[in-house]
Structures are given as structure tokens and as C-alpha cells.
PDB file of all heavy atoms in Angstrom:
ATOM      1  N   ASP A   1      -3.115   0.215 -30.150  1.00  0.00           N
ATOM      2  CA  ASP A   1      -4.002  -0.830 -29.573  1.00  0.00           C
ATOM      3  C   ASP A   1      -4.410  -0.525 -28.053  1.00  0.00           C
ATOM      4  O   ASP A   1      -5.257  -1.181 -27.563  1.00  0.00           O
ATOM      5  CB  ASP A   1      -3.279  -2.216 -29.529  1.00  0.00           C
ATOM      6  CG  ASP A   1      -2.899  -2.714 -30.944  1.00  0.00           C
ATOM      7  OD1 ASP A   1      -3.706  -2.451 -31.937  1.00  0.00           O
ATOM      8  OD2 ASP A   1      -1.958  -3.384 -31.103  1.00  0.00           O
ATOM      9  N   TYR A   2      -3.719   0.420 -27.435  1.00  0.00           N
ATOM     10  CA  TYR A   2      -3.910   0.616 -26.028  1.00  0.00           C
ATOM     11  C   TYR A   2      -5.373   0.869 -25.712  1.00  0.00           C
ATOM     12  O   TYR A   2      -5.901   0.347 -24.657  1.00  0.00           O
ATOM     13  CB  TYR A   2      -3.007   1.720 -25.510  1.00  0.00           C
ATOM     14  CG  TYR A   2      -1.547   1.452 -25.505  1.00  0.00           C
ATOM     15  CD1 TYR A   2      -0.983   0.229 -25.945  1.00  0.00           C
ATOM     16  CD2 TYR A   2      -0.689   2.366 -24.959  1.00  0.00           C
ATOM     17  CE1 TYR A   2       0.331  -0.040 -25.887  1.00  0.00           C
ATOM     18  CE2 TYR A   2       0.730   2.151 -24.914  1.00  0.00           C
ATOM     19  CZ  TYR A   2       1.180   0.894 -25.368  1.00  0.00           C
ATOM     20  OH  TYR A   2       2.581   0.669 -25.323  1.00  0.00           O
ATOM     21  N   GLY A   3      -5.983   1.747 -26.457  1.00  0.00           N
ATOM     22  CA  GLY A   3      -7.417   2.039 -26.098  1.00  0.00           C
ATOM     23  C   GLY A   3      -8.299   0.883 -26.132  1.00  0.00           C
ATOM     24  O   GLY A   3      -9.151   0.712 -25.167  1.00  0.00           O
ATOM     25  N   ARG A   4      -8.222   0.041 -27.154  1.00  0.00           N
ATOM     26  CA  ARG A   4      -9.020  -1.148 -27.272  1.00  0.00           C
ATOM     27  C   ARG A   4      -8.693  -2.177 -26.141  1.00  0.00           C
ATOM     28  O   ARG A   4      -9.579  -2.834 -25.553  1.00  0.00           O
ATOM     29  CB  ARG A   4      -8.877  -1.789 -28.575  1.00  0.00           C
ATOM     30  CG  ARG A   4      -9.520  -3.195 -28.754  1.00  0.00           C
ATOM     31  CD  ARG A   4     -11.045  -3.103 -28.622  1.00  0.00           C
ATOM     32  NE  ARG A   4     -11.639  -4.364 -28.703  1.00  0.00           N
ATOM     33  CZ  ARG A   4     -12.883  -4.743 -28.357  1.00  0.00           C
ATOM     34  NH1 ARG A   4     -13.724  -3.811 -27.929  1.00  0.00           N
ATOM     35  NH2 ARG A   4     -13.331  -6.028 -28.530  1.00  0.00           N
ATOM     36  N   ILE A   5      -7.364  -2.315 -25.801  1.00  0.00           N
ATOM     37  CA  ILE A   5      -6.952  -3.208 -24.719  1.00  0.00           C
ATOM     38  C   ILE A   5      -7.547  -2.757 -23.437  1.00  0.00           C
ATOM     39  O   ILE A   5      -8.014  -3.628 -22.605  1.00  0.00           O
ATOM     40  CB  ILE A   5      -5.456  -3.332 -24.713  1.00  0.00           C
ATOM     41  CG1 ILE A   5      -4.966  -4.144 -25.952  1.00  0.00           C
ATOM     42  CG2 ILE A   5      -4.937  -3.970 -23.427  1.00  0.00           C
ATOM     43  CD1 ILE A   5      -3.501  -4.284 -26.072  1.00  0.00           C
ATOM     44  N   LYS A   6      -7.491  -1.445 -23.149  1.00  0.00           N
ATOM     45  CA  LYS A   6      -8.035  -0.977 -21.930  1.00  0.00           C
ATOM     46  C   LYS A   6      -9.578  -1.216 -21.722  1.00  0.00           C
ATOM     47  O   LYS A   6     -10.067  -1.455 -20.718  1.00  0.00           O
ATOM     48  CB  LYS A   6      -7.810   0.526 -21.717  1.00  0.00           C
ATOM     49  CG  LYS A   6      -6.296   0.874 -21.425  1.00  0.00           C
ATOM     50  CD  LYS A   6      -6.037   2.297 -21.045  1.00  0.00           C
ATOM     51  CE  LYS A   6      -6.192   3.258 -22.153  1.00  0.00           C
ATOM     52  NZ  LYS A   6      -5.828   4.608 -21.840  1.00  0.00           N
ATOM     53  N   LYS A   7     -10.246  -1.120 -22.933  1.00  0.00           N
ATOM     54  CA  LYS A   7     -11.724  -1.457 -22.946  1.00  0.00           C
ATOM     55  C   LYS A   7     -11.928  -2.915 -22.497  1.00  0.00           C
ATOM     56  O   LYS A   7     -12.818  -3.267 -21.700  1.00  0.00           O
ATOM     57  CB  LYS A   7     -12.236  -1.242 -24.315  1.00  0.00           C
ATOM     58  CG  LYS A   7     -13.703  -1.640 -24.530  1.00  0.00           C
ATOM     59  CD  LYS A   7     -14.686  -0.790 -23.666  1.00  0.00           C
ATOM     60  CE  LYS A   7     -16.115  -0.968 -24.080  1.00  0.00           C
ATOM     61  NZ  LYS A   7     -16.619  -2.353 -23.860  1.00  0.00           N
ATOM     62  N   ILE A   8     -11.084  -3.831 -23.069  1.00  0.00           N
ATOM     63  CA  ILE A   8     -11.215  -5.322 -22.718  1.00  0.00           C
ATOM     64  C   ILE A   8     -10.899  -5.507 -21.268  1.00  0.00           C
ATOM     65  O   ILE A   8     -11.524  -6.223 -20.615  1.00  0.00           O
ATOM     66  CB  ILE A   8     -10.365  -6.109 -23.705  1.00  0.00           C
ATOM     67  CG1 ILE A   8     -10.739  -6.013 -25.097  1.00  0.00           C
ATOM     68  CG2 ILE A   8     -10.284  -7.591 -23.199  1.00  0.00           C
ATOM     69  CD1 ILE A   8      -9.810  -6.735 -26.053  1.00  0.00           C
ATOM     70  N   ILE A   9      -9.850  -4.757 -20.744  1.00  0.00           N
ATOM     71  CA  ILE A   9      -9.538  -4.918 -19.302  1.00  0.00           C
ATOM     72  C   ILE A   9     -10.649  -4.467 -18.464  1.00  0.00           C
ATOM     73  O   ILE A   9     -11.088  -5.063 -17.481  1.00  0.00           O
ATOM     74  CB  ILE A   9      -8.206  -4.080 -18.983  1.00  0.00           C
ATOM     75  CG1 ILE A   9      -6.974  -4.677 -19.712  1.00  0.00           C
ATOM     76  CG2 ILE A   9      -8.003  -3.868 -17.514  1.00  0.00           C
ATOM     77  CD1 ILE A   9      -5.708  -3.824 -19.669  1.00  0.00           C
ATOM     78  N   ASP A  10     -11.266  -3.369 -18.814  1.00  0.00           N
ATOM     79  CA  ASP A  10     -12.390  -2.820 -17.998  1.00  0.00           C
ATOM     80  C   ASP A  10     -13.630  -3.791 -18.059  1.00  0.00           C
ATOM     81  O   ASP A  10     -14.265  -4.020 -17.103  1.00  0.00           O
ATOM     82  CB  ASP A  10     -12.850  -1.445 -18.493  1.00  0.00           C
ATOM     83  CG  ASP A  10     -13.831  -0.823 -17.555  1.00  0.00           C
ATOM     84  OD1 ASP A  10     -13.823  -1.030 -16.364  1.00  0.00           O
ATOM     85  OD2 ASP A  10     -14.731  -0.072 -18.049  1.00  0.00           O
ATOM     86  N   ASP A  11     -13.802  -4.364 -19.288  1.00  0.00           N
ATOM     87  CA  ASP A  11     -14.958  -5.315 -19.404  1.00  0.00           C
ATOM     88  C   ASP A  11     -14.688  -6.563 -18.571  1.00  0.00           C
ATOM     89  O   ASP A  11     -15.623  -7.164 -18.068  1.00  0.00           O
ATOM     90  CB  ASP A  11     -15.078  -5.781 -20.848  1.00  0.00           C
ATOM     91  CG  ASP A  11     -15.666  -4.741 -21.723  1.00  0.00           C
ATOM     92  OD1 ASP A  11     -16.258  -3.669 -21.217  1.00  0.00           O
ATOM     93  OD2 ASP A  11     -15.492  -4.759 -22.959  1.00  0.00           O
ATOM     94  N   THR A  12     -13.406  -6.911 -18.347  1.00  0.00           N
ATOM     95  CA  THR A  12     -13.048  -8.139 -17.554  1.00  0.00           C
ATOM     96  C   THR A  12     -13.147  -7.896 -16.101  1.00  0.00           C
ATOM     97  O   THR A  12     -13.645  -8.683 -15.328  1.00  0.00           O
ATOM     98  CB  THR A  12     -11.741  -8.620 -18.043  1.00  0.00           C
ATOM     99  OG1 THR A  12     -11.668  -8.889 -19.464  1.00  0.00           O
ATOM    100  CG2 THR A  12     -11.305  -9.939 -17.276  1.00  0.00           C
ATOM    101  N   TRP A  13     -12.522  -6.796 -15.664  1.00  0.00           N
ATOM    102  CA  TRP A  13     -12.436  -6.610 -14.238  1.00  0.00           C
ATOM    103  C   TRP A  13     -13.337  -5.443 -13.669  1.00  0.00           C
ATOM    104  O   TRP A  13     -13.361  -5.190 -12.465  1.00  0.00           O
ATOM    105  CB  TRP A  13     -10.929  -6.245 -13.861  1.00  0.00           C
ATOM    106  CG  TRP A  13     -10.018  -7.453 -13.802  1.00  0.00           C
ATOM    107  CD1 TRP A  13      -9.951  -8.382 -12.851  1.00  0.00           C
ATOM    108  CD2 TRP A  13      -9.196  -7.891 -14.867  1.00  0.00           C
ATOM    109  NE1 TRP A  13      -9.073  -9.337 -13.220  1.00  0.00           N
ATOM    110  CE2 TRP A  13      -8.614  -9.099 -14.455  1.00  0.00           C
ATOM    111  CE3 TRP A  13      -8.839  -7.396 -16.108  1.00  0.00           C
ATOM    112  CZ2 TRP A  13      -7.621  -9.831 -15.159  1.00  0.00           C
ATOM    113  CZ3 TRP A  13      -7.914  -8.075 -16.947  1.00  0.00           C
ATOM    114  CH2 TRP A  13      -7.347  -9.297 -16.425  1.00  0.00           C
ATOM    115  N   ASP A  14     -14.122  -4.868 -14.598  1.00  0.00           N
ATOM    116  CA  ASP A  14     -15.135  -3.941 -14.210  1.00  0.00           C
ATOM    117  C   ASP A  14     -14.671  -2.785 -13.282  1.00  0.00           C
ATOM    118  O   ASP A  14     -15.272  -2.527 -12.251  1.00  0.00           O
ATOM    119  CB  ASP A  14     -16.327  -4.733 -13.505  1.00  0.00           C
ATOM    120  CG  ASP A  14     -17.594  -3.933 -13.624  1.00  0.00           C
ATOM    121  OD1 ASP A  14     -17.700  -2.969 -14.436  1.00  0.00           O
ATOM    122  OD2 ASP A  14     -18.531  -4.365 -12.943  1.00  0.00           O
ATOM    123  N   PHE A  15     -13.600  -2.165 -13.673  1.00  0.00           N
ATOM    124  CA  PHE A  15     -13.107  -0.976 -12.947  1.00  0.00           C
ATOM    125  C   PHE A  15     -14.204   0.084 -12.872  1.00  0.00           C
ATOM    126  O   PHE A  15     -14.319   0.794 -11.885  1.00  0.00           O
ATOM    127  CB  PHE A  15     -11.884  -0.432 -13.526  1.00  0.00           C
ATOM    128  CG  PHE A  15     -10.572  -1.179 -13.204  1.00  0.00           C
ATOM    129  CD1 PHE A  15     -10.179  -2.195 -14.021  1.00  0.00           C
ATOM    130  CD2 PHE A  15      -9.880  -0.892 -12.076  1.00  0.00           C
ATOM    131  CE1 PHE A  15      -9.007  -2.929 -13.704  1.00  0.00           C
ATOM    132  CE2 PHE A  15      -8.729  -1.572 -11.704  1.00  0.00           C
ATOM    133  CZ  PHE A  15      -8.242  -2.605 -12.548  1.00  0.00           C
ATOM    134  N   SER A  16     -14.935   0.243 -13.935  1.00  0.00           N
ATOM    135  CA  SER A  16     -15.910   1.318 -14.063  1.00  0.00           C
ATOM    136  C   SER A  16     -17.036   1.184 -12.987  1.00  0.00           C
ATOM    137  O   SER A  16     -17.737   2.196 -12.708  1.00  0.00           O
ATOM    138  CB  SER A  16     -16.520   1.405 -15.452  1.00  0.00           C
ATOM    139  OG  SER A  16     -17.048   0.194 -15.841  1.00  0.00           O
ATOM    140  N   ALA A  17     -17.219  -0.012 -12.320  1.00  0.00           N
ATOM    141  CA  ALA A  17     -18.225  -0.119 -11.397  1.00  0.00           C
ATOM    142  C   ALA A  17     -17.827   0.590 -10.110  1.00  0.00           C
ATOM    143  O   ALA A  17     -18.743   1.013  -9.335  1.00  0.00           O
ATOM    144  CB  ALA A  17     -18.486  -1.642 -11.059  1.00  0.00           C
ATOM    145  N   ASP A  18     -16.564   0.728  -9.866  1.00  0.00           N
ATOM    146  CA  ASP A  18     -16.136   1.341  -8.626  1.00  0.00           C
ATOM    147  C   ASP A  18     -15.440   2.729  -8.884  1.00  0.00           C
ATOM    148  O   ASP A  18     -15.348   3.547  -7.846  1.00  0.00           O
ATOM    149  CB  ASP A  18     -15.061   0.461  -7.954  1.00  0.00           C
ATOM    150  CG  ASP A  18     -15.605  -0.902  -7.565  1.00  0.00           C
ATOM    151  OD1 ASP A  18     -16.640  -0.854  -6.847  1.00  0.00           O
ATOM    152  OD2 ASP A  18     -15.038  -1.895  -7.969  1.00  0.00           O
ATOM    153  N   VAL A  19     -15.130   3.050 -10.090  1.00  0.00           N
ATOM    154  CA  VAL A  19     -14.441   4.298 -10.400  1.00  0.00           C
ATOM    155  C   VAL A  19     -15.345   5.019 -11.434  1.00  0.00           C
ATOM    156  O   VAL A  19     -15.340   4.765 -12.631  1.00  0.00           O
ATOM    157  CB  VAL A  19     -13.083   4.148 -10.948  1.00  0.00           C
ATOM    158  CG1 VAL A  19     -12.332   5.547 -11.177  1.00  0.00           C
ATOM    159  CG2 VAL A  19     -12.233   3.317 -10.058  1.00  0.00           C
ATOM    160  N   ASP A  20     -16.279   5.904 -10.851  1.00  0.00           N
ATOM    161  CA  ASP A  20     -17.287   6.513 -11.785  1.00  0.00           C
ATOM    162  C   ASP A  20     -16.864   7.765 -12.448  1.00  0.00           C
ATOM    163  O   ASP A  20     -17.524   8.345 -13.275  1.00  0.00           O
ATOM    164  CB  ASP A  20     -18.519   6.773 -10.986  1.00  0.00           C
ATOM    165  CG  ASP A  20     -18.325   7.688  -9.733  1.00  0.00           C
ATOM    166  OD1 ASP A  20     -17.166   8.092  -9.642  1.00  0.00           O
ATOM    167  OD2 ASP A  20     -19.178   7.800  -8.917  1.00  0.00           O
ATOM    168  N   ASN A  21     -15.647   8.258 -12.212  1.00  0.00           N
ATOM    169  CA  ASN A  21     -15.101   9.443 -12.883  1.00  0.00           C
ATOM    170  C   ASN A  21     -14.307   9.035 -14.068  1.00  0.00           C
ATOM    171  O   ASN A  21     -13.404   8.226 -13.920  1.00  0.00           O
ATOM    172  CB  ASN A  21     -14.130  10.193 -11.888  1.00  0.00           C
ATOM    173  CG  ASN A  21     -13.602  11.381 -12.495  1.00  0.00           C
ATOM    174  OD1 ASN A  21     -12.610  11.311 -13.325  1.00  0.00           O
ATOM    175  ND2 ASN A  21     -14.130  12.554 -12.236  1.00  0.00           N
ATOM    176  N   ASP A  22     -14.648   9.498 -15.281  1.00  0.00           N
ATOM    177  CA  ASP A  22     -13.981   9.009 -16.515  1.00  0.00           C
ATOM    178  C   ASP A  22     -12.497   9.272 -16.466  1.00  0.00           C
ATOM    179  O   ASP A  22     -11.726   8.342 -16.998  1.00  0.00           O
ATOM    180  CB  ASP A  22     -14.615   9.643 -17.748  1.00  0.00           C
ATOM    181  CG  ASP A  22     -16.037   9.127 -17.991  1.00  0.00           C
ATOM    182  OD1 ASP A  22     -16.366   8.115 -17.495  1.00  0.00           O
ATOM    183  OD2 ASP A  22     -16.742   9.843 -18.805  1.00  0.00           O
ATOM    184  N   LYS A  23     -12.064  10.318 -15.956  1.00  0.00           N
ATOM    185  CA  LYS A  23     -10.638  10.628 -15.990  1.00  0.00           C
ATOM    186  C   LYS A  23      -9.876   9.643 -15.006  1.00  0.00           C
ATOM    187  O   LYS A  23      -8.837   9.184 -15.365  1.00  0.00           O
ATOM    188  CB  LYS A  23     -10.400  12.112 -15.621  1.00  0.00           C
ATOM    189  CG  LYS A  23      -8.919  12.485 -15.609  1.00  0.00           C
ATOM    190  CD  LYS A  23      -8.741  14.069 -15.428  1.00  0.00           C
ATOM    191  CE  LYS A  23      -9.262  14.819 -16.531  1.00  0.00           C
ATOM    192  NZ  LYS A  23      -8.952  16.297 -16.353  1.00  0.00           N
ATOM    193  N   ALA A  24     -10.488   9.452 -13.819  1.00  0.00           N
ATOM    194  CA  ALA A  24      -9.867   8.558 -12.903  1.00  0.00           C
ATOM    195  C   ALA A  24      -9.865   7.111 -13.496  1.00  0.00           C
ATOM    196  O   ALA A  24      -8.935   6.428 -13.287  1.00  0.00           O
ATOM    197  CB  ALA A  24     -10.587   8.623 -11.549  1.00  0.00           C
ATOM    198  N   LEU A  25     -10.993   6.770 -14.157  1.00  0.00           N
ATOM    199  CA  LEU A  25     -11.032   5.410 -14.747  1.00  0.00           C
ATOM    200  C   LEU A  25      -9.945   5.239 -15.732  1.00  0.00           C
ATOM    201  O   LEU A  25      -9.270   4.205 -15.752  1.00  0.00           O
ATOM    202  CB  LEU A  25     -12.370   5.228 -15.380  1.00  0.00           C
ATOM    203  CG  LEU A  25     -12.565   3.915 -16.178  1.00  0.00           C
ATOM    204  CD1 LEU A  25     -12.441   2.722 -15.274  1.00  0.00           C
ATOM    205  CD2 LEU A  25     -13.985   3.958 -16.873  1.00  0.00           C
ATOM    206  N   ASN A  26      -9.698   6.207 -16.562  1.00  0.00           N
ATOM    207  CA  ASN A  26      -8.638   6.115 -17.576  1.00  0.00           C
ATOM    208  C   ASN A  26      -7.287   5.941 -16.859  1.00  0.00           C
ATOM    209  O   ASN A  26      -6.400   5.195 -17.354  1.00  0.00           O
ATOM    210  CB  ASN A  26      -8.653   7.291 -18.503  1.00  0.00           C
ATOM    211  CG  ASN A  26      -7.744   7.183 -19.665  1.00  0.00           C
ATOM    212  OD1 ASN A  26      -7.789   6.140 -20.381  1.00  0.00           O
ATOM    213  ND2 ASN A  26      -6.828   8.088 -19.883  1.00  0.00           N
ATOM    214  N   HIS A  27      -7.041   6.648 -15.781  1.00  0.00           N
ATOM    215  CA  HIS A  27      -5.761   6.593 -15.140  1.00  0.00           C
ATOM    216  C   HIS A  27      -5.604   5.234 -14.494  1.00  0.00           C
ATOM    217  O   HIS A  27      -4.519   4.615 -14.465  1.00  0.00           O
ATOM    218  CB  HIS A  27      -5.687   7.714 -14.012  1.00  0.00           C
ATOM    219  CG  HIS A  27      -5.267   9.002 -14.593  1.00  0.00           C
ATOM    220  ND1 HIS A  27      -4.185   9.221 -15.420  1.00  0.00           N
ATOM    221  CD2 HIS A  27      -5.888  10.263 -14.459  1.00  0.00           C
ATOM    222  CE1 HIS A  27      -4.076  10.516 -15.708  1.00  0.00           C
ATOM    223  NE2 HIS A  27      -5.131  11.178 -15.167  1.00  0.00           N
ATOM    224  N   CYS A  28      -6.752   4.664 -13.863  1.00  0.00           N
ATOM    225  CA  CYS A  28      -6.689   3.309 -13.326  1.00  0.00           C
ATOM    226  C   CYS A  28      -6.269   2.265 -14.417  1.00  0.00           C
ATOM    227  O   CYS A  28      -5.426   1.396 -14.226  1.00  0.00           O
ATOM    228  CB  CYS A  28      -8.060   2.880 -12.798  1.00  0.00           C
ATOM    229  SG  CYS A  28      -8.291   3.536 -11.107  1.00  0.00           S
ATOM    230  N   LEU A  29      -6.901   2.422 -15.606  1.00  0.00           N
ATOM    231  CA  LEU A  29      -6.622   1.488 -16.656  1.00  0.00           C
ATOM    232  C   LEU A  29      -5.238   1.598 -17.221  1.00  0.00           C
ATOM    233  O   LEU A  29      -4.548   0.687 -17.586  1.00  0.00           O
ATOM    234  CB  LEU A  29      -7.676   1.681 -17.840  1.00  0.00           C
ATOM    235  CG  LEU A  29      -9.038   1.237 -17.395  1.00  0.00           C
ATOM    236  CD1 LEU A  29     -10.041   1.682 -18.501  1.00  0.00           C
ATOM    237  CD2 LEU A  29      -9.281  -0.228 -17.103  1.00  0.00           C
ATOM    238  N   ASN A  30      -4.688   2.851 -17.133  1.00  0.00           N
ATOM    239  CA  ASN A  30      -3.351   3.138 -17.603  1.00  0.00           C
ATOM    240  C   ASN A  30      -2.349   2.448 -16.612  1.00  0.00           C
ATOM    241  O   ASN A  30      -1.362   1.906 -17.010  1.00  0.00           O
ATOM    242  CB  ASN A  30      -3.059   4.722 -17.633  1.00  0.00           C
ATOM    243  CG  ASN A  30      -3.485   5.306 -18.938  1.00  0.00           C
ATOM    244  OD1 ASN A  30      -3.544   4.597 -20.008  1.00  0.00           O
ATOM    245  ND2 ASN A  30      -3.767   6.585 -18.898  1.00  0.00           N
ATOM    246  N   VAL A  31      -2.606   2.593 -15.350  1.00  0.00           N
ATOM    247  CA  VAL A  31      -1.768   1.982 -14.356  1.00  0.00           C
ATOM    248  C   VAL A  31      -1.754   0.539 -14.559  1.00  0.00           C
ATOM    249  O   VAL A  31      -0.625  -0.152 -14.537  1.00  0.00           O
ATOM    250  CB  VAL A  31      -2.246   2.391 -12.924  1.00  0.00           C
ATOM    251  CG1 VAL A  31      -1.469   1.484 -11.884  1.00  0.00           C
ATOM    252  CG2 VAL A  31      -2.035   3.804 -12.605  1.00  0.00           C
ATOM    253  N   PHE A  32      -2.907  -0.116 -14.708  1.00  0.00           N
ATOM    254  CA  PHE A  32      -2.981  -1.548 -14.885  1.00  0.00           C
ATOM    255  C   PHE A  32      -2.208  -1.958 -16.146  1.00  0.00           C
ATOM    256  O   PHE A  32      -1.377  -2.885 -16.111  1.00  0.00           O
ATOM    257  CB  PHE A  32      -4.488  -1.927 -15.078  1.00  0.00           C
ATOM    258  CG  PHE A  32      -4.767  -3.398 -15.008  1.00  0.00           C
ATOM    259  CD1 PHE A  32      -5.262  -3.947 -13.846  1.00  0.00           C
ATOM    260  CD2 PHE A  32      -4.590  -4.172 -16.176  1.00  0.00           C
ATOM    261  CE1 PHE A  32      -5.567  -5.228 -13.795  1.00  0.00           C
ATOM    262  CE2 PHE A  32      -4.952  -5.581 -16.065  1.00  0.00           C
ATOM    263  CZ  PHE A  32      -5.387  -6.097 -15.006  1.00  0.00           C
ATOM    264  N   LEU A  33      -2.400  -1.297 -17.286  1.00  0.00           N
ATOM    265  CA  LEU A  33      -1.792  -1.634 -18.511  1.00  0.00           C
ATOM    266  C   LEU A  33      -0.335  -1.441 -18.497  1.00  0.00           C
ATOM    267  O   LEU A  33       0.486  -2.370 -18.822  1.00  0.00           O
ATOM    268  CB  LEU A  33      -2.414  -0.835 -19.684  1.00  0.00           C
ATOM    269  CG  LEU A  33      -1.742  -1.029 -21.063  1.00  0.00           C
ATOM    270  CD1 LEU A  33      -1.945  -2.404 -21.556  1.00  0.00           C
ATOM    271  CD2 LEU A  33      -2.461   0.018 -22.058  1.00  0.00           C
ATOM    272  N   HIS A  34       0.187  -0.261 -18.110  1.00  0.00           N
ATOM    273  CA  HIS A  34       1.606  -0.024 -18.132  1.00  0.00           C
ATOM    274  C   HIS A  34       2.371  -0.785 -17.084  1.00  0.00           C
ATOM    275  O   HIS A  34       3.571  -1.049 -17.355  1.00  0.00           O
ATOM    276  CB  HIS A  34       1.842   1.513 -17.999  1.00  0.00           C
ATOM    277  CG  HIS A  34       1.387   2.232 -19.257  1.00  0.00           C
ATOM    278  ND1 HIS A  34       2.014   2.208 -20.440  1.00  0.00           N
ATOM    279  CD2 HIS A  34       0.315   3.048 -19.386  1.00  0.00           C
ATOM    280  CE1 HIS A  34       1.437   2.970 -21.287  1.00  0.00           C
ATOM    281  NE2 HIS A  34       0.374   3.479 -20.693  1.00  0.00           N
ATOM    282  N   ASP A  35       1.762  -1.210 -15.995  1.00  0.00           N
ATOM    283  CA  ASP A  35       2.477  -2.023 -15.031  1.00  0.00           C
ATOM    284  C   ASP A  35       2.777  -3.395 -15.676  1.00  0.00           C
ATOM    285  O   ASP A  35       3.905  -3.783 -15.618  1.00  0.00           O
ATOM    286  CB  ASP A  35       1.556  -2.211 -13.818  1.00  0.00           C
ATOM    287  CG  ASP A  35       2.276  -2.942 -12.691  1.00  0.00           C
ATOM    288  OD1 ASP A  35       3.494  -2.904 -12.657  1.00  0.00           O
ATOM    289  OD2 ASP A  35       1.625  -3.585 -11.880  1.00  0.00           O
ATOM    290  N   TYR A  36       1.816  -3.989 -16.297  1.00  0.00           N
ATOM    291  CA  TYR A  36       2.098  -5.272 -16.951  1.00  0.00           C
ATOM    292  C   TYR A  36       2.993  -5.133 -18.180  1.00  0.00           C
ATOM    293  O   TYR A  36       3.885  -6.009 -18.264  1.00  0.00           O
ATOM    294  CB  TYR A  36       0.702  -5.868 -17.385  1.00  0.00           C
ATOM    295  CG  TYR A  36      -0.049  -6.489 -16.293  1.00  0.00           C
ATOM    296  CD1 TYR A  36      -1.117  -5.864 -15.719  1.00  0.00           C
ATOM    297  CD2 TYR A  36       0.351  -7.736 -15.726  1.00  0.00           C
ATOM    298  CE1 TYR A  36      -1.898  -6.487 -14.673  1.00  0.00           C
ATOM    299  CE2 TYR A  36      -0.334  -8.366 -14.726  1.00  0.00           C
ATOM    300  CZ  TYR A  36      -1.438  -7.721 -14.223  1.00  0.00           C
ATOM    301  OH  TYR A  36      -2.149  -8.276 -13.199  1.00  0.00           O
ATOM    302  N   LEU A  37       2.855  -4.096 -18.950  1.00  0.00           N
ATOM    303  CA  LEU A  37       3.817  -3.920 -20.083  1.00  0.00           C
ATOM    304  C   LEU A  37       5.235  -3.700 -19.610  1.00  0.00           C
ATOM    305  O   LEU A  37       6.121  -4.185 -20.292  1.00  0.00           O
ATOM    306  CB  LEU A  37       3.311  -2.770 -20.987  1.00  0.00           C
ATOM    307  CG  LEU A  37       2.074  -3.053 -21.815  1.00  0.00           C
ATOM    308  CD1 LEU A  37       1.672  -1.812 -22.554  1.00  0.00           C
ATOM    309  CD2 LEU A  37       2.461  -4.158 -22.847  1.00  0.00           C
ATOM    310  N   GLY A  38       5.370  -3.011 -18.534  1.00  0.00           N
ATOM    311  CA  GLY A  38       6.719  -2.809 -17.951  1.00  0.00           C
ATOM    312  C   GLY A  38       7.484  -4.070 -17.524  1.00  0.00           C
ATOM    313  O   GLY A  38       8.681  -4.067 -17.477  1.00  0.00           O
ATOM    314  N   TRP A  39       6.752  -5.124 -17.315  1.00  0.00           N
ATOM    315  CA  TRP A  39       7.328  -6.411 -16.875  1.00  0.00           C
ATOM    316  C   TRP A  39       7.277  -7.456 -18.049  1.00  0.00           C
ATOM    317  O   TRP A  39       7.529  -8.655 -17.774  1.00  0.00           O
ATOM    318  CB  TRP A  39       6.639  -7.016 -15.625  1.00  0.00           C
ATOM    319  CG  TRP A  39       6.933  -6.176 -14.404  1.00  0.00           C
ATOM    320  CD1 TRP A  39       6.167  -5.292 -13.848  1.00  0.00           C
ATOM    321  CD2 TRP A  39       8.175  -6.105 -13.721  1.00  0.00           C
ATOM    322  NE1 TRP A  39       6.823  -4.635 -12.773  1.00  0.00           N
ATOM    323  CE2 TRP A  39       7.977  -5.213 -12.653  1.00  0.00           C
ATOM    324  CE3 TRP A  39       9.396  -6.885 -13.841  1.00  0.00           C
ATOM    325  CZ2 TRP A  39       9.063  -5.007 -11.727  1.00  0.00           C
ATOM    326  CZ3 TRP A  39      10.378  -6.603 -12.957  1.00  0.00           C
ATOM    327  CH2 TRP A  39      10.234  -5.693 -11.891  1.00  0.00           C
ATOM    328  N   SER A  40       6.977  -7.059 -19.241  1.00  0.00           N
ATOM    329  CA  SER A  40       6.762  -8.012 -20.334  1.00  0.00           C
ATOM    330  C   SER A  40       7.793  -7.783 -21.451  1.00  0.00           C
ATOM    331  O   SER A  40       7.854  -6.632 -21.909  1.00  0.00           O
ATOM    332  CB  SER A  40       5.364  -7.855 -20.941  1.00  0.00           C
ATOM    333  OG  SER A  40       4.359  -8.127 -19.986  1.00  0.00           O
ATOM    334  N   ASN A  41       8.433  -8.839 -21.901  1.00  0.00           N
ATOM    335  CA  ASN A  41       9.274  -8.749 -23.111  1.00  0.00           C
ATOM    336  C   ASN A  41       8.760  -9.533 -24.295  1.00  0.00           C
ATOM    337  O   ASN A  41       9.484  -9.866 -25.174  1.00  0.00           O
ATOM    338  CB  ASN A  41      10.740  -9.144 -22.721  1.00  0.00           C
ATOM    339  CG  ASN A  41      10.826 -10.455 -21.985  1.00  0.00           C
ATOM    340  OD1 ASN A  41      10.046 -11.310 -22.186  1.00  0.00           O
ATOM    341  ND2 ASN A  41      11.935 -10.575 -21.159  1.00  0.00           N
ATOM    342  N   TYR A  42       7.518  -9.920 -24.077  1.00  0.00           N
ATOM    343  CA  TYR A  42       6.776 -10.515 -25.241  1.00  0.00           C
ATOM    344  C   TYR A  42       5.304 -10.061 -25.276  1.00  0.00           C
ATOM    345  O   TYR A  42       4.656  -9.976 -24.181  1.00  0.00           O
ATOM    346  CB  TYR A  42       6.736 -12.106 -24.978  1.00  0.00           C
ATOM    347  CG  TYR A  42       5.764 -12.790 -25.932  1.00  0.00           C
ATOM    348  CD1 TYR A  42       6.184 -13.410 -27.164  1.00  0.00           C
ATOM    349  CD2 TYR A  42       4.396 -12.961 -25.584  1.00  0.00           C
ATOM    350  CE1 TYR A  42       5.370 -14.076 -27.986  1.00  0.00           C
ATOM    351  CE2 TYR A  42       3.534 -13.543 -26.523  1.00  0.00           C
ATOM    352  CZ  TYR A  42       4.046 -14.124 -27.672  1.00  0.00           C
ATOM    353  OH  TYR A  42       3.116 -14.737 -28.556  1.00  0.00           O
ATOM    354  N   THR A  43       4.900  -9.602 -26.405  1.00  0.00           N
ATOM    355  CA  THR A  43       3.505  -9.084 -26.530  1.00  0.00           C
ATOM    356  C   THR A  43       2.971  -9.552 -27.867  1.00  0.00           C
ATOM    357  O   THR A  43       3.578  -9.489 -28.905  1.00  0.00           O
ATOM    358  CB  THR A  43       3.409  -7.575 -26.476  1.00  0.00           C
ATOM    359  OG1 THR A  43       4.216  -6.992 -27.476  1.00  0.00           O
ATOM    360  CG2 THR A  43       3.852  -7.032 -25.120  1.00  0.00           C
TER     361      THR A  43
END
């Protein structure tokens, strides 16, 4: 599900407007996703 969730995250917070490099954008979304998952015991 991670790929689709990252797409929803980008649609919501529009990281791609400020990070125009695809590789960097993917790393930004990974940081965002894994930070929240690391603090969650319910998904």
C-alpha cells in the first residue's frame, strides 16, 4: 500500500511543488511515511 499512500500524501501536502526531482520527492515521501509509521501501533 505504501506507493498509493505516498501518492495521497503528495496530493494532500503537495511536496512535488517544492521538490522537483523525482528521486528526492520519493525520499521526502518516505521520510514522511516511515516517521508516522514508526510511532503508530494501529494502522
